[in-house]
Amino acid sequence: MLLAIDIGNTDTVIGVHFEDRWQHLWRIPTRPEESLYYYETRLKNYFLEADLRFDAFRRLVLSSVVPVLTPVLDRLMEQLFGKKPLTLGPELYLRMPFGIQKPYEIGSDLVANAYAAHRKYTQNLVVVDFGTALTFTSVAKEGRILGVAIAPGLKTAIQSLASNTAQLPEVPLTVPESAIGTDTVGAIQAGILMGYVGLVKHLIANIRQEMGGDCIAIATGGLSSVLEPLATEFVEVNRMLTLEGLRGIGELALEA
């Protein structure tokens, strides 16, 4: 059995994998200001409801893009499971058969995404992660992360607009029928949601061109299904990609 924890800027995702599939998936708000007890209580409740034993897990894998929480979850997992998790970071990357040009400058979630996607497709690809940030991680077919492009995520853009203007509200994440907004909600949806369709298509096209035209795109992240007009851009939309990457890296470490 394997437990994977992905600490993101907005949510912390916890997955339990055994019998060749993800049996349980839990999502809780990431709160850097909370103590270890906040996460301990939730994890214990999840395990109690699912009738899971802490001593049944062979591998624990942790990814975190919130540095202040990394030691908190690391300590919690050691307390509950009696073993330290495999924590993604530069030292681990250097031992992986997977090239990372800037190991100290890339988020562990992006490494997990890239590893999972390349493990499945083994060709030039770009992973587009629709999360708190919108990221484009380019991977060469030989298994090497070439680089990343980063833009504000959809919710981040809408929240920023609402919080920095006096009269603009937060709006539903729905693509409007027209690019000409006839009311405030429609105007924001046209500008941001339709605008993001163009942003994503343009960046994917540029990345493909720079990679010689041979490059597939995979989408992931909590908001990956929001922009329906982008459906034809991707060979796959996989919201479990990060956890799959953590699982693959965990299995790789077991074999080493």
C-alpha atoms as a PDB file:
ATOM      1  CA  MET A   1       0.000   0.000   0.000  1.00  0.00           C
ATOM      2  CA  LEU A   2       1.150   3.495  -0.795  1.00  0.00           C
ATOM      3  CA  LEU A   3       0.151   6.856   0.632  1.00  0.00           C
ATOM      4  CA  ALA A   4       0.833  10.001  -1.392  1.00  0.00           C
ATOM      5  CA  ILE A   5       0.395  13.524  -0.038  1.00  0.00           C
ATOM      6  CA  ASP A   6       0.565  16.531  -2.351  1.00  0.00           C
ATOM      7  CA  ILE A   7       0.667  19.856  -0.467  1.00  0.00           C
ATOM      8  CA  GLY A   8      -0.428  22.560  -2.883  1.00  0.00           C
ATOM      9  CA  ASN A   9      -0.923  26.265  -2.361  1.00  0.00           C
ATOM     10  CA  THR A  10      -4.702  25.935  -2.194  1.00  0.00           C
ATOM     11  CA  ASP A  11      -5.412  22.311  -1.251  1.00  0.00           C
ATOM     12  CA  THR A  12      -3.582  19.334   0.198  1.00  0.00           C
ATOM     13  CA  VAL A  13      -4.492  16.124  -1.627  1.00  0.00           C
ATOM     14  CA  ILE A  14      -4.101  12.733   0.061  1.00  0.00           C
ATOM     15  CA  GLY A  15      -4.320   9.502  -1.931  1.00  0.00           C
ATOM     16  CA  VAL A  16      -4.234   5.841  -0.916  1.00  0.00           C
ATOM     17  CA  HIS A  17      -3.153   3.371  -3.616  1.00  0.00           C
ATOM     18  CA  PHE A  18      -3.399  -0.418  -3.495  1.00  0.00           C
ATOM     19  CA  GLU A  19      -4.674  -3.257  -5.687  1.00  0.00           C
ATOM     20  CA  ASP A  20      -3.584  -1.296  -8.790  1.00  0.00           C
ATOM     21  CA  ARG A  21      -5.799   1.732  -8.242  1.00  0.00           C
ATOM     22  CA  TRP A  22      -6.414   4.773  -6.088  1.00  0.00           C
ATOM     23  CA  GLN A  23      -8.827   3.503  -3.473  1.00  0.00           C
ATOM     24  CA  HIS A  24      -9.230   6.713  -1.482  1.00  0.00           C
ATOM     25  CA  LEU A  25      -8.767  10.378  -2.305  1.00  0.00           C
ATOM     26  CA  TRP A  26      -9.165  13.230   0.181  1.00  0.00           C
ATOM     27  CA  ARG A  27      -8.737  16.969  -0.274  1.00  0.00           C
ATOM     28  CA  ILE A  28      -8.388  19.508   2.542  1.00  0.00           C
ATOM     29  CA  PRO A  29      -7.617  23.246   2.477  1.00  0.00           C
ATOM     30  CA  THR A  30      -3.912  24.012   2.836  1.00  0.00           C
ATOM     31  CA  ARG A  31      -3.469  26.212   5.898  1.00  0.00           C
ATOM     32  CA  PRO A  32       0.162  27.125   6.628  1.00  0.00           C
ATOM     33  CA  GLU A  33      -0.855  28.871   9.847  1.00  0.00           C
ATOM     34  CA  GLU A  34      -2.322  25.682  11.358  1.00  0.00           C
ATOM     35  CA  SER A  35      -0.410  23.322  13.643  1.00  0.00           C
ATOM     36  CA  LEU A  36       0.389  19.666  13.122  1.00  0.00           C
ATOM     37  CA  TYR A  37      -2.835  18.851  14.997  1.00  0.00           C
ATOM     38  CA  TYR A  38      -4.984  20.254  12.159  1.00  0.00           C
ATOM     39  CA  TYR A  39      -3.591  17.708   9.691  1.00  0.00           C
ATOM     40  CA  GLU A  40      -3.306  14.898  12.240  1.00  0.00           C
ATOM     41  CA  THR A  41      -6.995  15.092  13.165  1.00  0.00           C
ATOM     42  CA  ARG A  42      -8.147  14.945   9.563  1.00  0.00           C
ATOM     43  CA  LEU A  43      -5.824  12.110   8.573  1.00  0.00           C
ATOM     44  CA  LYS A  44      -6.858  10.030  11.587  1.00  0.00           C
ATOM     45  CA  ASN A  45     -10.543  10.621  10.832  1.00  0.00           C
ATOM     46  CA  TYR A  46     -10.088   9.629   7.183  1.00  0.00           C
ATOM     47  CA  PHE A  47      -8.295   6.424   8.163  1.00  0.00           C
ATOM     48  CA  LEU A  48     -10.935   5.576  10.755  1.00  0.00           C
ATOM     49  CA  GLU A  49     -13.788   6.053   8.269  1.00  0.00           C
ATOM     50  CA  ALA A  50     -11.964   4.004   5.608  1.00  0.00           C
ATOM     51  CA  ASP A  51     -10.954   1.277   8.089  1.00  0.00           C
ATOM     52  CA  LEU A  52      -7.245   1.690   7.243  1.00  0.00           C
ATOM     53  CA  ARG A  53      -4.303   0.854   9.479  1.00  0.00           C
ATOM     54  CA  PHE A  54      -1.241   3.080   9.610  1.00  0.00           C
ATOM     55  CA  ASP A  55       1.109   0.094   9.866  1.00  0.00           C
ATOM     56  CA  ALA A  56      -0.177  -1.390   6.581  1.00  0.00           C
ATOM     57  CA  PHE A  57       1.633   1.089   4.343  1.00  0.00           C
ATOM     58  CA  ARG A  58       4.843   0.115   2.610  1.00  0.00           C
ATOM     59  CA  ARG A  59       5.656   3.468   1.047  1.00  0.00           C
ATOM     60  CA  LEU A  60       4.901   7.103   1.934  1.00  0.00           C
ATOM     61  CA  VAL A  61       5.576   9.838  -0.616  1.00  0.00           C
ATOM     62  CA  LEU A  62       5.345  13.564   0.060  1.00  0.00           C
ATOM     63  CA  SER A  63       5.361  16.539  -2.299  1.00  0.00           C
ATOM     64  CA  SER A  64       5.093  20.100  -1.035  1.00  0.00           C
ATOM     65  CA  VAL A  65       5.227  23.546  -2.612  1.00  0.00           C
ATOM     66  CA  VAL A  66       4.576  25.175   0.778  1.00  0.00           C
ATOM     67  CA  PRO A  67       8.002  25.030   2.487  1.00  0.00           C
ATOM     68  CA  VAL A  68       6.715  25.859   5.978  1.00  0.00           C
ATOM     69  CA  LEU A  69       4.463  22.777   5.893  1.00  0.00           C
ATOM     70  CA  THR A  70       7.019  20.277   4.588  1.00  0.00           C
ATOM     71  CA  PRO A  71       8.613  19.517   7.995  1.00  0.00           C
ATOM     72  CA  VAL A  72       5.163  19.517   9.649  1.00  0.00           C
ATOM     73  CA  LEU A  73       3.794  16.766   7.395  1.00  0.00           C
ATOM     74  CA  ASP A  74       7.129  14.959   7.404  1.00  0.00           C
ATOM     75  CA  ARG A  75       7.017  14.793  11.207  1.00  0.00           C
ATOM     76  CA  LEU A  76       3.344  13.815  11.272  1.00  0.00           C
ATOM     77  CA  MET A  77       3.858  10.924   8.855  1.00  0.00           C
ATOM     78  CA  GLU A  78       6.789   9.625  10.882  1.00  0.00           C
ATOM     79  CA  GLN A  79       4.694   9.756  14.052  1.00  0.00           C
ATOM     80  CA  LEU A  80       1.648   8.024  12.594  1.00  0.00           C
ATOM     81  CA  PHE A  81       3.283   5.496  10.278  1.00  0.00           C
ATOM     82  CA  GLY A  82       6.548   4.853  12.116  1.00  0.00           C
ATOM     83  CA  LYS A  83       8.638   5.754   9.077  1.00  0.00           C
ATOM     84  CA  LYS A  84       9.744   8.866   7.251  1.00  0.00           C
ATOM     85  CA  PRO A  85       8.185   9.661   3.881  1.00  0.00           C
ATOM     86  CA  LEU A  86      10.089   9.882   0.640  1.00  0.00           C
ATOM     87  CA  THR A  87      10.027  13.665   0.193  1.00  0.00           C
ATOM     88  CA  LEU A  88      10.501  15.053  -3.298  1.00  0.00           C
ATOM     89  CA  GLY A  89      13.364  17.516  -3.526  1.00  0.00           C
ATOM     90  CA  PRO A  90      16.699  18.246  -5.240  1.00  0.00           C
ATOM     91  CA  GLU A  91      18.608  15.478  -3.476  1.00  0.00           C
ATOM     92  CA  LEU A  92      16.124  12.896  -4.698  1.00  0.00           C
ATOM     93  CA  TYR A  93      16.021  14.335  -8.224  1.00  0.00           C
ATOM     94  CA  LEU A  94      19.759  13.823  -8.603  1.00  0.00           C
ATOM     95  CA  ARG A  95      19.268  10.082  -8.029  1.00  0.00           C
ATOM     96  CA  MET A  96      16.449   9.741 -10.550  1.00  0.00           C
ATOM     97  CA  PRO A  97      16.962   8.634 -14.175  1.00  0.00           C
ATOM     98  CA  PHE A  98      15.163  11.806 -15.213  1.00  0.00           C
ATOM     99  CA  GLY A  99      16.910  15.027 -16.193  1.00  0.00           C
ATOM    100  CA  ILE A 100      16.071  18.251 -14.354  1.00  0.00           C
ATOM    101  CA  GLN A 101      18.108  21.292 -15.398  1.00  0.00           C
ATOM    102  CA  LYS A 102      17.307  23.484 -12.368  1.00  0.00           C
ATOM    103  CA  PRO A 103      16.558  21.072  -9.491  1.00  0.00           C
ATOM    104  CA  TYR A 104      16.497  23.851  -6.896  1.00  0.00           C
ATOM    105  CA  GLU A 105      14.129  26.064  -8.885  1.00  0.00           C
ATOM    106  CA  ILE A 106      11.258  23.751  -9.811  1.00  0.00           C
ATOM    107  CA  GLY A 107       8.198  22.748  -7.785  1.00  0.00           C
ATOM    108  CA  SER A 108       7.990  19.124  -6.739  1.00  0.00           C
ATOM    109  CA  ASP A 109       4.439  18.902  -8.122  1.00  0.00           C
ATOM    110  CA  LEU A 110       5.755  19.826 -11.579  1.00  0.00           C
ATOM    111  CA  VAL A 111       8.430  17.139 -11.321  1.00  0.00           C
ATOM    112  CA  ALA A 112       5.771  14.584 -10.384  1.00  0.00           C
ATOM    113  CA  ASN A 113       3.571  15.683 -13.297  1.00  0.00           C
ATOM    114  CA  ALA A 114       6.442  15.491 -15.758  1.00  0.00           C
ATOM    115  CA  TYR A 115       7.593  12.090 -14.536  1.00  0.00           C
ATOM    116  CA  ALA A 116       4.088  10.578 -14.696  1.00  0.00           C
ATOM    117  CA  ALA A 117       3.388  11.966 -18.169  1.00  0.00           C
ATOM    118  CA  HIS A 118       6.734  10.870 -19.627  1.00  0.00           C
ATOM    119  CA  ARG A 119       6.472   7.456 -17.986  1.00  0.00           C
ATOM    120  CA  LYS A 120       3.207   6.913 -19.883  1.00  0.00           C
ATOM    121  CA  TYR A 121       3.966   8.518 -23.264  1.00  0.00           C
ATOM    122  CA  THR A 122       7.792   8.571 -23.650  1.00  0.00           C
ATOM    123  CA  GLN A 123       7.790  11.372 -26.229  1.00  0.00           C
ATOM    124  CA  ASN A 124       8.108  15.147 -26.401  1.00  0.00           C
ATOM    125  CA  LEU A 125       5.305  16.594 -24.299  1.00  0.00           C
ATOM    126  CA  VAL A 126       4.055  19.540 -22.302  1.00  0.00           C
ATOM    127  CA  VAL A 127       2.038  19.188 -19.105  1.00  0.00           C
ATOM    128  CA  VAL A 128      -0.418  22.027 -18.514  1.00  0.00           C
ATOM    129  CA  ASP A 129      -1.408  22.220 -14.846  1.00  0.00           C
ATOM    130  CA  PHE A 130      -4.519  24.301 -14.121  1.00  0.00           C
ATOM    131  CA  GLY A 131      -3.981  25.039 -10.439  1.00  0.00           C
ATOM    132  CA  THR A 132      -3.345  28.064  -8.252  1.00  0.00           C
ATOM    133  CA  ALA A 133      -0.772  28.851 -10.927  1.00  0.00           C
ATOM    134  CA  LEU A 134      -1.162  27.878 -14.570  1.00  0.00           C
ATOM    135  CA  THR A 135       2.029  26.037 -15.498  1.00  0.00           C
ATOM    136  CA  PHE A 136       3.432  24.551 -18.703  1.00  0.00           C
ATOM    137  CA  THR A 137       6.178  21.965 -18.087  1.00  0.00           C
ATOM    138  CA  SER A 138       8.038  20.891 -21.235  1.00  0.00           C
ATOM    139  CA  VAL A 139       9.641  17.444 -21.288  1.00  0.00           C
ATOM    140  CA  ALA A 140      11.935  15.995 -23.975  1.00  0.00           C
ATOM    141  CA  LYS A 141      11.308  12.476 -25.231  1.00  0.00           C
ATOM    142  CA  GLU A 142      14.545  11.176 -23.699  1.00  0.00           C
ATOM    143  CA  GLY A 143      13.240  12.067 -20.227  1.00  0.00           C
ATOM    144  CA  ARG A 144      14.463  15.573 -19.396  1.00  0.00           C
ATOM    145  CA  ILE A 145      12.556  18.609 -18.143  1.00  0.00           C
ATOM    146  CA  LEU A 146      13.464  21.449 -20.494  1.00  0.00           C
ATOM    147  CA  GLY A 147      11.749  24.260 -18.621  1.00  0.00           C
ATOM    148  CA  VAL A 148       8.497  25.761 -17.357  1.00  0.00           C
ATOM    149  CA  ALA A 149       6.204  28.676 -18.209  1.00  0.00           C
ATOM    150  CA  ILE A 150       4.082  30.106 -15.374  1.00  0.00           C
ATOM    151  CA  ALA A 151       1.007  32.357 -15.385  1.00  0.00           C
ATOM    152  CA  PRO A 152      -1.577  33.138 -12.700  1.00  0.00           C
ATOM    153  CA  GLY A 153      -4.234  30.436 -12.390  1.00  0.00           C
ATOM    154  CA  LEU A 154      -7.855  31.103 -13.330  1.00  0.00           C
ATOM    155  CA  LYS A 155      -9.103  31.528  -9.769  1.00  0.00           C
ATOM    156  CA  THR A 156      -6.018  33.546  -8.875  1.00  0.00           C
ATOM    157  CA  ALA A 157      -6.681  35.948 -11.758  1.00  0.00           C
ATOM    158  CA  ILE A 158     -10.362  36.376 -10.899  1.00  0.00           C
ATOM    159  CA  GLN A 159      -9.673  36.815  -7.179  1.00  0.00           C
ATOM    160  CA  SER A 160      -6.931  39.335  -7.917  1.00  0.00           C
ATOM    161  CA  LEU A 161      -9.264  41.340 -10.127  1.00  0.00           C
ATOM    162  CA  ALA A 162     -12.010  41.323  -7.482  1.00  0.00           C
ATOM    163  CA  SER A 163      -9.694  42.202  -4.591  1.00  0.00           C
ATOM    164  CA  ASN A 164      -7.897  45.039  -6.385  1.00  0.00           C
ATOM    165  CA  THR A 165     -10.924  46.802  -7.834  1.00  0.00           C
ATOM    166  CA  ALA A 166     -13.822  48.472  -6.042  1.00  0.00           C
ATOM    167  CA  GLN A 167     -16.693  47.371  -8.259  1.00  0.00           C
ATOM    168  CA  LEU A 168     -15.696  44.059  -9.871  1.00  0.00           C
ATOM    169  CA  PRO A 169     -16.975  40.854  -8.197  1.00  0.00           C
ATOM    170  CA  GLU A 170     -15.719  37.274  -8.285  1.00  0.00           C
ATOM    171  CA  VAL A 171     -17.583  35.366 -10.989  1.00  0.00           C
ATOM    172  CA  PRO A 172     -18.385  31.712 -11.825  1.00  0.00           C
ATOM    173  CA  LEU A 173     -15.749  29.869 -13.837  1.00  0.00           C
ATOM    174  CA  THR A 174     -17.955  29.454 -16.911  1.00  0.00           C
ATOM    175  CA  VAL A 175     -16.891  30.252 -20.472  1.00  0.00           C
ATOM    176  CA  PRO A 176     -19.417  32.767 -21.897  1.00  0.00           C
ATOM    177  CA  GLU A 177     -21.051  32.468 -25.302  1.00  0.00           C
ATOM    178  CA  SER A 178     -19.812  35.868 -26.441  1.00  0.00           C
ATOM    179  CA  ALA A 179     -16.522  37.726 -26.223  1.00  0.00           C
ATOM    180  CA  ILE A 180     -18.546  40.926 -25.942  1.00  0.00           C
ATOM    181  CA  GLY A 181     -19.654  41.069 -22.316  1.00  0.00           C
ATOM    182  CA  THR A 182     -23.021  42.820 -21.902  1.00  0.00           C
ATOM    183  CA  ASP A 183     -22.871  42.875 -18.093  1.00  0.00           C
ATOM    184  CA  THR A 184     -20.136  42.842 -15.450  1.00  0.00           C
ATOM    185  CA  VAL A 185     -20.107  39.059 -14.979  1.00  0.00           C
ATOM    186  CA  GLY A 186     -20.044  38.407 -18.730  1.00  0.00           C
ATOM    187  CA  ALA A 187     -17.308  40.984 -19.229  1.00  0.00           C
ATOM    188  CA  ILE A 188     -15.012  39.341 -16.660  1.00  0.00           C
ATOM    189  CA  GLN A 189     -15.763  35.841 -17.976  1.00  0.00           C
ATOM    190  CA  ALA A 190     -15.007  36.963 -21.535  1.00  0.00           C
ATOM    191  CA  GLY A 191     -11.787  38.692 -20.580  1.00  0.00           C
ATOM    192  CA  ILE A 192     -10.369  36.020 -18.291  1.00  0.00           C
ATOM    193  CA  LEU A 193     -11.868  32.693 -19.382  1.00  0.00           C
ATOM    194  CA  MET A 194     -11.850  33.342 -23.118  1.00  0.00           C
ATOM    195  CA  GLY A 195      -8.529  35.102 -22.705  1.00  0.00           C
ATOM    196  CA  TYR A 196      -7.059  32.052 -21.002  1.00  0.00           C
ATOM    197  CA  VAL A 197      -8.189  29.838 -23.890  1.00  0.00           C
ATOM    198  CA  GLY A 198      -6.072  32.004 -26.179  1.00  0.00           C
ATOM    199  CA  LEU A 199      -3.184  32.090 -23.702  1.00  0.00           C
ATOM    200  CA  VAL A 200      -3.069  28.299 -23.405  1.00  0.00           C
ATOM    201  CA  LYS A 201      -3.365  27.691 -27.145  1.00  0.00           C
ATOM    202  CA  HIS A 202      -0.682  30.256 -27.927  1.00  0.00           C
ATOM    203  CA  LEU A 203       1.818  28.892 -25.402  1.00  0.00           C
ATOM    204  CA  ILE A 204       1.243  25.281 -26.457  1.00  0.00           C
ATOM    205  CA  ALA A 205       1.742  26.295 -30.102  1.00  0.00           C
ATOM    206  CA  ASN A 206       4.981  28.115 -29.274  1.00  0.00           C
ATOM    207  CA  ILE A 207       6.280  25.209 -27.193  1.00  0.00           C
ATOM    208  CA  ARG A 208       5.477  22.760 -29.992  1.00  0.00           C
ATOM    209  CA  GLN A 209       7.302  24.954 -32.495  1.00  0.00           C
ATOM    210  CA  GLU A 210      10.376  25.195 -30.256  1.00  0.00           C
ATOM    211  CA  MET A 211      10.343  21.402 -29.844  1.00  0.00           C
ATOM    212  CA  GLY A 212      10.294  20.818 -33.592  1.00  0.00           C
ATOM    213  CA  GLY A 213       6.536  20.364 -33.961  1.00  0.00           C
ATOM    214  CA  ASP A 214       6.464  16.908 -32.371  1.00  0.00           C
ATOM    215  CA  CYS A 215       4.914  17.492 -28.960  1.00  0.00           C
ATOM    216  CA  ILE A 216       1.728  16.280 -27.279  1.00  0.00           C
ATOM    217  CA  ALA A 217      -0.061  18.116 -24.461  1.00  0.00           C
ATOM    218  CA  ILE A 218      -1.526  16.653 -21.254  1.00  0.00           C
ATOM    219  CA  ALA A 219      -3.756  18.617 -18.872  1.00  0.00           C
ATOM    220  CA  THR A 220      -4.041  18.227 -15.115  1.00  0.00           C
ATOM    221  CA  GLY A 221      -5.058  20.230 -12.060  1.00  0.00           C
ATOM    222  CA  GLY A 222      -8.325  20.966 -10.320  1.00  0.00           C
ATOM    223  CA  LEU A 223      -9.505  23.383 -13.027  1.00  0.00           C
ATOM    224  CA  SER A 224      -8.360  21.346 -16.034  1.00  0.00           C
ATOM    225  CA  SER A 225     -11.941  20.622 -17.145  1.00  0.00           C
ATOM    226  CA  VAL A 226     -13.185  24.231 -16.955  1.00  0.00           C
ATOM    227  CA  LEU A 227     -12.056  25.460 -20.375  1.00  0.00           C
ATOM    228  CA  GLU A 228     -14.041  23.196 -22.710  1.00  0.00           C
ATOM    229  CA  PRO A 229     -12.811  24.945 -25.893  1.00  0.00           C
ATOM    230  CA  LEU A 230      -9.342  23.526 -25.099  1.00  0.00           C
ATOM    231  CA  ALA A 231     -10.450  19.875 -25.121  1.00  0.00           C
ATOM    232  CA  THR A 232      -8.943  19.162 -28.552  1.00  0.00           C
ATOM    233  CA  GLU A 233      -5.542  20.505 -27.466  1.00  0.00           C
ATOM    234  CA  PHE A 234      -4.894  17.595 -25.098  1.00  0.00           C
ATOM    235  CA  VAL A 235      -4.382  13.878 -25.624  1.00  0.00           C
ATOM    236  CA  GLU A 236      -5.466  13.403 -22.019  1.00  0.00           C
ATOM    237  CA  VAL A 237      -6.980  15.323 -19.118  1.00  0.00           C
ATOM    238  CA  ASN A 238      -5.827  13.573 -15.948  1.00  0.00           C
ATOM    239  CA  ARG A 239      -6.532  15.199 -12.592  1.00  0.00           C
ATOM    240  CA  MET A 240      -4.630  12.355 -10.888  1.00  0.00           C
ATOM    241  CA  LEU A 241      -1.377  13.034 -12.732  1.00  0.00           C
ATOM    242  CA  THR A 242       0.511  14.492  -9.753  1.00  0.00           C
ATOM    243  CA  LEU A 243      -0.406  11.568  -7.500  1.00  0.00           C
ATOM    244  CA  GLU A 244       0.515   9.148 -10.295  1.00  0.00           C
ATOM    245  CA  GLY A 245       3.914  10.818 -10.481  1.00  0.00           C
ATOM    246  CA  LEU A 246       4.377  10.478  -6.724  1.00  0.00           C
ATOM    247  CA  ARG A 247       3.432   6.816  -6.947  1.00  0.00           C
ATOM    248  CA  GLY A 248       5.855   6.199  -9.803  1.00  0.00           C
ATOM    249  CA  ILE A 249       8.704   7.946  -7.994  1.00  0.00           C
ATOM    250  CA  GLY A 250       7.893   5.972  -4.846  1.00  0.00           C
ATOM    251  CA  GLU A 251       8.058   2.705  -6.763  1.00  0.00           C
ATOM    252  CA  LEU A 252      11.309   3.794  -8.382  1.00  0.00           C
ATOM    253  CA  ALA A 253      12.827   4.406  -4.952  1.00  0.00           C
ATOM    254  CA  LEU A 254      11.716   0.977  -3.748  1.00  0.00           C
ATOM    255  CA  GLU A 255      13.520  -0.650  -6.670  1.00  0.00           C
ATOM    256  CA  ALA A 256      16.750   1.287  -6.039  1.00  0.00           C
END
